[in-house]
N, C-alpha and C. Protein backbone atom coordinates (compact mmCIF):
# COMPACT_ATOMS: atom_id res chain seq x y z
N MET A 1 108.73 86.42 92.15
CA MET A 1 107.60 87.34 91.71
C MET A 1 107.97 88.64 92.08
N PRO A 2 107.85 89.66 91.13
CA PRO A 2 108.03 91.02 91.45
C PRO A 2 106.89 91.56 92.21
N LYS A 3 107.16 92.62 93.10
CA LYS A 3 105.96 93.04 93.90
C LYS A 3 105.22 93.85 92.90
N LEU A 4 103.87 93.91 93.11
CA LEU A 4 103.09 94.66 92.28
C LEU A 4 102.99 96.21 92.52
N LYS A 5 102.90 96.96 91.46
CA LYS A 5 103.13 98.48 91.48
C LYS A 5 101.81 99.10 91.33
N ALA A 6 101.37 100.16 91.79
CA ALA A 6 100.19 100.91 91.78
C ALA A 6 100.03 101.31 90.50
N ALA A 7 101.26 101.88 89.79
CA ALA A 7 101.05 102.29 88.47
C ALA A 7 100.77 101.36 87.38
N ASP A 8 100.88 100.14 87.80
CA ASP A 8 100.66 98.88 86.79
C ASP A 8 99.30 98.26 86.89
N LEU A 9 98.39 98.79 87.90
CA LEU A 9 97.04 98.24 88.30
C LEU A 9 96.10 99.15 87.94
N THR A 10 94.92 98.57 87.42
CA THR A 10 93.74 99.38 87.37
C THR A 10 92.59 98.86 88.09
N VAL A 11 91.70 99.64 88.75
CA VAL A 11 90.51 99.13 89.28
C VAL A 11 89.56 98.40 88.21
N GLY A 12 89.21 97.13 88.50
CA GLY A 12 88.48 96.40 87.58
C GLY A 12 89.25 95.32 86.95
N ASP A 13 90.46 95.39 87.04
CA ASP A 13 91.44 94.35 86.60
C ASP A 13 91.04 93.18 87.43
N THR A 14 91.13 91.83 86.71
CA THR A 14 90.97 90.61 87.45
C THR A 14 91.93 89.51 87.04
N HIS A 15 92.16 88.60 88.20
CA HIS A 15 93.05 87.49 87.93
C HIS A 15 92.33 86.34 88.30
N THR A 16 92.23 85.36 87.31
CA THR A 16 91.43 84.19 87.58
C THR A 16 92.50 82.92 87.34
N GLU A 17 92.27 81.75 88.19
CA GLU A 17 92.82 80.61 88.14
C GLU A 17 92.14 79.65 88.60
N VAL A 18 92.46 78.31 88.03
CA VAL A 18 91.80 77.12 88.48
C VAL A 18 92.65 76.67 90.03
N LEU A 19 91.90 76.52 90.83
CA LEU A 19 92.50 76.17 92.14
C LEU A 19 92.50 74.82 92.35
N VAL A 20 91.74 73.83 91.96
CA VAL A 20 91.93 72.57 92.01
C VAL A 20 90.97 71.97 90.98
N GLU A 21 91.29 70.83 90.21
CA GLU A 21 90.49 70.25 89.33
C GLU A 21 90.08 68.80 90.04
N ASP A 22 88.85 68.37 89.98
CA ASP A 22 88.32 67.10 90.53
C ASP A 22 88.91 66.89 92.02
N LEU A 23 88.46 67.59 92.66
CA LEU A 23 88.90 67.48 94.08
C LEU A 23 88.40 65.92 94.57
N LYS A 24 89.70 65.42 95.20
CA LYS A 24 89.55 63.97 95.59
C LYS A 24 89.40 63.89 96.92
N ARG A 25 88.63 62.79 97.42
CA ARG A 25 88.40 62.47 98.92
C ARG A 25 89.84 62.31 99.66
N THR A 26 90.81 61.82 98.85
CA THR A 26 92.27 61.69 99.66
C THR A 26 92.64 63.14 99.96
N GLN A 27 92.52 64.22 99.17
CA GLN A 27 92.75 65.39 99.56
C GLN A 27 92.01 65.89 100.89
N LEU A 28 90.98 65.59 100.90
CA LEU A 28 90.08 65.84 102.32
C LEU A 28 90.81 65.27 103.39
N VAL A 29 91.20 63.89 103.38
CA VAL A 29 91.75 63.06 104.48
C VAL A 29 93.07 63.71 104.69
N GLN A 30 93.87 64.05 103.50
CA GLN A 30 95.25 64.78 103.60
C GLN A 30 95.00 66.05 104.49
N TYR A 31 94.17 66.89 104.28
CA TYR A 31 93.79 68.26 104.88
C TYR A 31 93.40 67.89 106.40
N ALA A 32 92.55 66.92 106.42
CA ALA A 32 92.29 66.59 108.06
C ALA A 32 93.58 66.30 108.75
N GLY A 33 94.49 65.55 108.27
CA GLY A 33 95.75 65.23 108.79
C GLY A 33 96.74 66.56 109.02
N ALA A 34 96.66 67.29 108.10
CA ALA A 34 97.62 68.49 108.34
C ALA A 34 97.01 69.50 108.99
N SER A 35 95.67 69.68 109.08
CA SER A 35 95.04 70.78 109.89
C SER A 35 94.70 70.24 111.45
N GLY A 36 94.53 69.00 111.51
CA GLY A 36 94.05 68.40 112.85
C GLY A 36 92.65 68.45 112.95
N ASP A 37 91.82 68.86 111.87
CA ASP A 37 90.34 68.85 111.79
C ASP A 37 89.92 67.47 111.47
N TYR A 38 89.57 66.67 112.34
CA TYR A 38 89.23 65.23 111.93
C TYR A 38 87.50 65.11 111.95
N ASN A 39 86.76 66.21 112.00
CA ASN A 39 85.40 66.16 111.89
C ASN A 39 85.00 65.02 111.02
N PRO A 40 84.21 64.18 111.29
CA PRO A 40 83.95 62.96 110.42
C PRO A 40 82.99 63.48 109.21
N VAL A 41 82.35 64.63 109.16
CA VAL A 41 81.67 65.08 107.93
C VAL A 41 82.47 65.38 106.76
N HIS A 42 83.92 65.46 107.02
CA HIS A 42 84.96 65.52 105.92
C HIS A 42 85.56 64.23 105.53
N THR A 43 85.24 63.24 106.28
CA THR A 43 86.03 61.93 105.91
C THR A 43 85.36 60.70 106.08
N ASP A 44 84.21 60.64 106.74
CA ASP A 44 83.53 59.43 107.25
C ASP A 44 82.16 59.29 106.45
N GLU A 45 82.14 58.57 105.30
CA GLU A 45 80.96 58.40 104.45
C GLU A 45 79.77 57.88 105.35
N VAL A 46 79.99 56.95 106.04
CA VAL A 46 78.91 56.21 106.79
C VAL A 46 78.39 57.32 107.91
N PHE A 47 79.20 57.91 108.63
CA PHE A 47 78.58 59.02 109.55
C PHE A 47 77.80 60.16 108.75
N VAL A 48 78.58 60.58 107.73
CA VAL A 48 78.00 61.78 106.92
C VAL A 48 76.71 61.43 106.40
N THR A 49 76.48 60.19 105.95
CA THR A 49 75.19 59.99 105.05
C THR A 49 74.16 59.48 106.04
N GLN A 50 74.60 58.55 107.14
CA GLN A 50 73.48 58.00 108.08
C GLN A 50 73.21 58.71 109.37
N VAL A 51 74.16 59.74 109.68
CA VAL A 51 73.94 60.33 110.89
C VAL A 51 73.73 61.94 110.70
N ALA A 52 74.50 62.52 109.66
CA ALA A 52 74.56 63.85 109.56
C ALA A 52 73.61 64.18 108.45
N GLY A 53 73.14 63.25 107.73
CA GLY A 53 72.10 63.49 106.68
C GLY A 53 72.69 64.19 105.50
N TYR A 54 73.93 64.25 105.04
CA TYR A 54 74.29 64.77 103.76
C TYR A 54 74.62 63.68 102.93
N PRO A 55 74.53 63.92 101.46
CA PRO A 55 74.73 63.03 100.67
C PRO A 55 76.10 62.49 100.43
N THR A 56 77.07 63.09 100.75
CA THR A 56 78.39 62.47 100.99
C THR A 56 79.28 63.45 101.74
N VAL A 57 80.56 63.00 101.93
CA VAL A 57 81.56 64.04 102.67
C VAL A 57 81.79 65.36 101.90
N PHE A 58 82.24 66.28 102.60
CA PHE A 58 82.36 67.73 101.95
C PHE A 58 83.59 68.22 102.46
N ALA A 59 84.38 69.10 101.66
CA ALA A 59 85.66 69.72 101.90
C ALA A 59 85.51 70.50 103.23
N HIS A 60 86.53 70.75 103.96
CA HIS A 60 86.71 71.81 104.95
C HIS A 60 86.53 73.06 104.49
N GLY A 61 85.99 74.01 105.11
CA GLY A 61 85.77 75.34 104.85
C GLY A 61 87.23 75.93 104.59
N MET A 62 88.18 75.57 105.70
CA MET A 62 89.45 76.12 105.63
C MET A 62 90.40 75.69 104.47
N LEU A 63 90.03 74.35 104.06
CA LEU A 63 90.68 74.09 102.83
C LEU A 63 90.42 74.79 101.54
N THR A 64 89.18 75.15 101.34
CA THR A 64 88.70 76.05 100.41
C THR A 64 89.27 77.39 100.46
N MET A 65 89.21 77.95 101.81
CA MET A 65 89.86 79.37 101.95
C MET A 65 91.54 79.39 101.67
N GLY A 66 92.12 78.05 102.04
CA GLY A 66 93.53 78.10 101.66
C GLY A 66 93.60 78.00 100.19
N LEU A 67 92.84 77.29 99.45
CA LEU A 67 93.10 77.37 98.09
C LEU A 67 92.87 78.67 97.45
N THR A 68 91.69 79.51 98.01
CA THR A 68 91.51 80.73 97.52
C THR A 68 92.76 81.67 97.91
N GLY A 69 93.37 81.50 99.08
CA GLY A 69 94.43 82.39 99.57
C GLY A 69 95.61 82.12 98.62
N LYS A 70 95.83 81.05 98.03
CA LYS A 70 97.07 80.89 97.05
C LYS A 70 96.70 81.59 96.08
N LEU A 71 95.42 81.71 95.49
CA LEU A 71 95.39 82.66 94.36
C LEU A 71 95.61 83.96 94.64
N VAL A 72 95.38 84.51 95.83
CA VAL A 72 95.61 85.81 96.22
C VAL A 72 97.25 86.07 96.44
N THR A 73 97.94 85.13 97.01
CA THR A 73 99.36 85.23 97.09
C THR A 73 99.99 85.13 95.76
N ASN A 74 99.42 84.38 94.90
CA ASN A 74 100.07 84.12 93.47
C ASN A 74 99.88 85.46 92.77
N LEU A 75 99.03 86.34 92.96
CA LEU A 75 98.76 87.55 92.63
C LEU A 75 99.51 88.80 93.17
N VAL A 76 99.50 88.77 94.55
CA VAL A 76 100.13 89.91 95.13
C VAL A 76 101.60 89.63 95.81
N GLY A 77 101.98 88.20 95.79
CA GLY A 77 103.21 87.83 96.38
C GLY A 77 103.12 87.70 97.75
N ASP A 78 104.13 86.83 98.27
CA ASP A 78 104.31 86.49 99.62
C ASP A 78 104.51 87.65 100.52
N GLY A 79 103.97 87.68 101.78
CA GLY A 79 104.45 88.72 102.74
C GLY A 79 103.76 90.07 102.54
N THR A 80 102.84 90.24 101.65
CA THR A 80 102.35 91.51 101.41
C THR A 80 100.90 91.43 101.89
N LEU A 81 100.24 90.57 102.24
CA LEU A 81 98.73 90.70 102.65
C LEU A 81 98.75 91.35 104.04
N THR A 82 97.66 92.14 104.05
CA THR A 82 97.41 92.92 105.35
C THR A 82 95.93 92.53 105.94
N ASN A 83 95.13 91.96 104.96
CA ASN A 83 93.98 91.63 105.49
C ASN A 83 93.42 90.46 104.60
N TYR A 84 92.71 89.54 104.87
CA TYR A 84 92.24 88.46 104.05
C TYR A 84 91.10 87.73 104.94
N GLY A 85 89.79 87.78 104.55
CA GLY A 85 88.48 87.05 105.03
C GLY A 85 87.63 86.58 103.80
N VAL A 86 87.03 85.46 104.23
CA VAL A 86 85.97 84.98 103.36
C VAL A 86 84.69 84.75 104.14
N ARG A 87 83.76 84.51 103.25
CA ARG A 87 82.46 83.97 103.61
C ARG A 87 82.21 82.64 102.83
N PHE A 88 81.84 81.62 103.55
CA PHE A 88 81.62 80.36 103.15
C PHE A 88 80.27 80.32 102.62
N VAL A 89 79.89 80.18 101.15
CA VAL A 89 78.74 80.41 100.72
C VAL A 89 78.03 79.00 100.39
N SER A 90 78.78 78.14 100.00
CA SER A 90 78.34 76.77 99.53
C SER A 90 79.41 75.84 99.87
N GLN A 91 78.84 74.46 100.00
CA GLN A 91 79.61 73.35 100.25
C GLN A 91 80.57 73.06 98.96
N VAL A 92 81.78 72.49 99.21
CA VAL A 92 82.41 71.83 98.13
C VAL A 92 82.66 70.42 98.32
N TRP A 93 82.28 69.81 97.21
CA TRP A 93 82.02 68.25 97.34
C TRP A 93 83.36 67.57 96.51
N PRO A 94 83.56 66.46 96.78
CA PRO A 94 84.68 65.65 96.10
C PRO A 94 84.25 65.57 94.60
N GLY A 95 85.08 65.81 93.73
CA GLY A 95 84.91 66.01 92.27
C GLY A 95 84.51 67.31 91.76
N ASP A 96 84.48 68.26 92.79
CA ASP A 96 84.47 69.61 92.17
C ASP A 96 85.76 70.21 91.81
N THR A 97 85.43 71.12 90.68
CA THR A 97 86.64 71.72 90.18
C THR A 97 86.36 73.28 90.53
N LEU A 98 87.42 73.95 91.24
CA LEU A 98 87.17 75.30 91.57
C LEU A 98 88.11 76.36 91.01
N THR A 99 87.36 77.23 90.78
CA THR A 99 88.32 78.51 90.02
C THR A 99 87.94 79.70 90.83
N GLY A 100 88.99 80.50 91.04
CA GLY A 100 89.06 81.58 91.84
C GLY A 100 89.39 82.94 91.11
N THR A 101 88.63 83.95 91.44
CA THR A 101 88.78 85.32 90.86
C THR A 101 89.05 86.34 91.81
N ALA A 102 90.16 87.12 91.55
CA ALA A 102 90.46 88.39 92.39
C ALA A 102 90.24 89.51 91.51
N GLU A 103 89.24 90.40 92.02
CA GLU A 103 89.12 91.79 91.23
C GLU A 103 89.71 92.83 92.07
N ILE A 104 90.41 93.80 91.38
CA ILE A 104 90.86 94.97 92.09
C ILE A 104 89.73 96.03 92.14
N VAL A 105 89.43 96.17 93.47
CA VAL A 105 88.35 97.36 93.60
C VAL A 105 88.86 98.50 94.12
N ALA A 106 90.17 98.68 94.65
CA ALA A 106 90.58 99.87 94.87
C ALA A 106 92.06 99.79 94.95
N ILE A 107 92.77 100.98 94.69
CA ILE A 107 94.27 101.40 94.85
C ILE A 107 94.10 102.51 95.48
N ARG A 108 94.81 102.35 96.80
CA ARG A 108 94.79 103.46 97.64
C ARG A 108 96.13 103.66 98.52
N GLU A 109 96.18 104.82 99.33
CA GLU A 109 97.23 104.90 100.15
C GLU A 109 96.67 105.07 101.62
N GLU A 110 97.29 104.44 102.52
CA GLU A 110 96.74 104.66 103.84
C GLU A 110 98.05 104.39 104.82
N GLY A 111 98.31 105.37 105.65
CA GLY A 111 99.31 105.43 106.60
C GLY A 111 100.63 105.30 106.23
N GLY A 112 100.92 105.95 104.92
CA GLY A 112 101.94 105.89 104.17
C GLY A 112 102.39 104.55 103.53
N GLN A 113 101.31 103.78 103.49
CA GLN A 113 101.61 102.50 102.55
C GLN A 113 100.66 102.56 101.39
N HIS A 114 101.12 102.09 100.38
CA HIS A 114 100.32 101.82 99.13
C HIS A 114 99.65 100.44 99.19
N LEU A 115 98.27 100.52 98.92
CA LEU A 115 97.47 99.20 99.10
C LEU A 115 96.50 98.88 97.93
N VAL A 116 96.46 97.62 97.72
CA VAL A 116 95.30 97.26 96.79
C VAL A 116 94.33 96.41 97.62
N ASP A 117 93.08 96.77 97.19
CA ASP A 117 91.99 96.03 97.61
C ASP A 117 91.20 94.99 96.85
N LEU A 118 91.20 93.80 97.05
CA LEU A 118 90.67 92.95 96.10
C LEU A 118 89.28 92.26 96.63
N GLU A 119 88.49 92.02 95.55
CA GLU A 119 87.22 91.15 95.99
C GLU A 119 87.36 89.97 95.43
N LEU A 120 87.05 88.82 96.17
CA LEU A 120 87.42 87.48 95.97
C LEU A 120 86.14 86.61 95.71
N THR A 121 86.27 85.85 94.63
CA THR A 121 85.01 84.97 94.46
C THR A 121 85.70 83.64 93.91
N THR A 122 85.23 82.54 94.61
CA THR A 122 85.53 81.06 94.19
C THR A 122 84.19 80.50 93.78
N VAL A 123 84.27 79.68 92.57
CA VAL A 123 83.07 79.04 92.03
C VAL A 123 83.46 77.57 91.65
N ASN A 124 82.37 76.75 91.78
CA ASN A 124 82.64 75.33 91.31
C ASN A 124 82.50 75.19 89.86
N GLN A 125 82.39 74.05 89.28
CA GLN A 125 82.20 73.98 87.80
C GLN A 125 81.07 74.06 87.18
N ASP A 126 80.08 74.40 88.15
CA ASP A 126 78.70 74.73 87.79
C ASP A 126 78.66 76.45 87.83
N SER A 127 79.68 77.00 88.16
CA SER A 127 79.70 78.53 88.47
C SER A 127 78.80 78.97 89.67
N GLN A 128 78.66 77.87 90.65
CA GLN A 128 77.95 78.17 91.82
C GLN A 128 79.07 78.78 92.87
N LYS A 129 78.84 79.84 93.31
CA LYS A 129 79.73 80.50 94.31
C LYS A 129 79.98 79.64 95.51
N VAL A 130 81.20 79.36 95.94
CA VAL A 130 81.41 78.67 97.19
C VAL A 130 81.90 79.44 98.20
N ILE A 131 82.84 80.64 97.70
CA ILE A 131 83.49 81.41 98.71
C ILE A 131 83.46 82.84 98.24
N THR A 132 83.11 83.96 98.94
CA THR A 132 83.35 85.23 98.45
C THR A 132 84.16 85.84 99.61
N GLY A 133 84.80 86.97 99.31
CA GLY A 133 85.71 87.38 100.26
C GLY A 133 86.42 88.57 99.84
N THR A 134 87.33 89.16 100.85
CA THR A 134 88.10 90.37 100.57
C THR A 134 89.59 90.32 100.84
N ALA A 135 90.35 90.85 100.30
CA ALA A 135 91.75 90.83 100.61
C ALA A 135 92.35 92.25 100.38
N THR A 136 93.33 92.56 101.10
CA THR A 136 94.25 93.76 101.04
C THR A 136 95.67 93.49 101.15
N ALA A 137 96.51 94.20 100.29
CA ALA A 137 97.74 93.93 100.28
C ALA A 137 98.60 95.03 99.98
N ARG A 138 99.84 95.23 100.49
CA ARG A 138 100.80 96.28 100.16
C ARG A 138 101.31 96.07 98.92
N ILE A 139 101.57 97.28 98.23
CA ILE A 139 102.14 97.20 96.94
C ILE A 139 103.19 98.43 96.85
N ASP A 140 103.79 98.37 95.86
CA ASP A 140 104.73 99.56 95.67
C ASP A 140 104.14 100.80 94.97
N ALA A 141 104.76 101.75 95.05
CA ALA A 141 104.04 103.07 94.50
C ALA A 141 103.97 103.06 92.93
């Protein structure tokens, strides 16, 4: 993927992509194994319904953040991020389809580097926000 160039970008441009369709419980278990986060609210139906009081298991926040991060690197390229942060707004449930959008909110120069600032939103199939956040990446002049 060629590196983004400031001259090719416009504030207000957006990039949207589907991050996951029909999130499976298996993906939650796989993420638990990959991350080492074995909190039973993500994998144990009996615990989560009878002890924790939720209707079912739900995705790790960091899984959703990682899916959103892939949207960002798909847009700006690997190795260019200088900042990435999110706020977990709502839970992600098995069966959810997530779509992420990155909007260019600034193109600037700082410390001799050209940067693009992005506003991030990830929503479920009901257009309910599950993540909001920001990212900054280096770009070419």
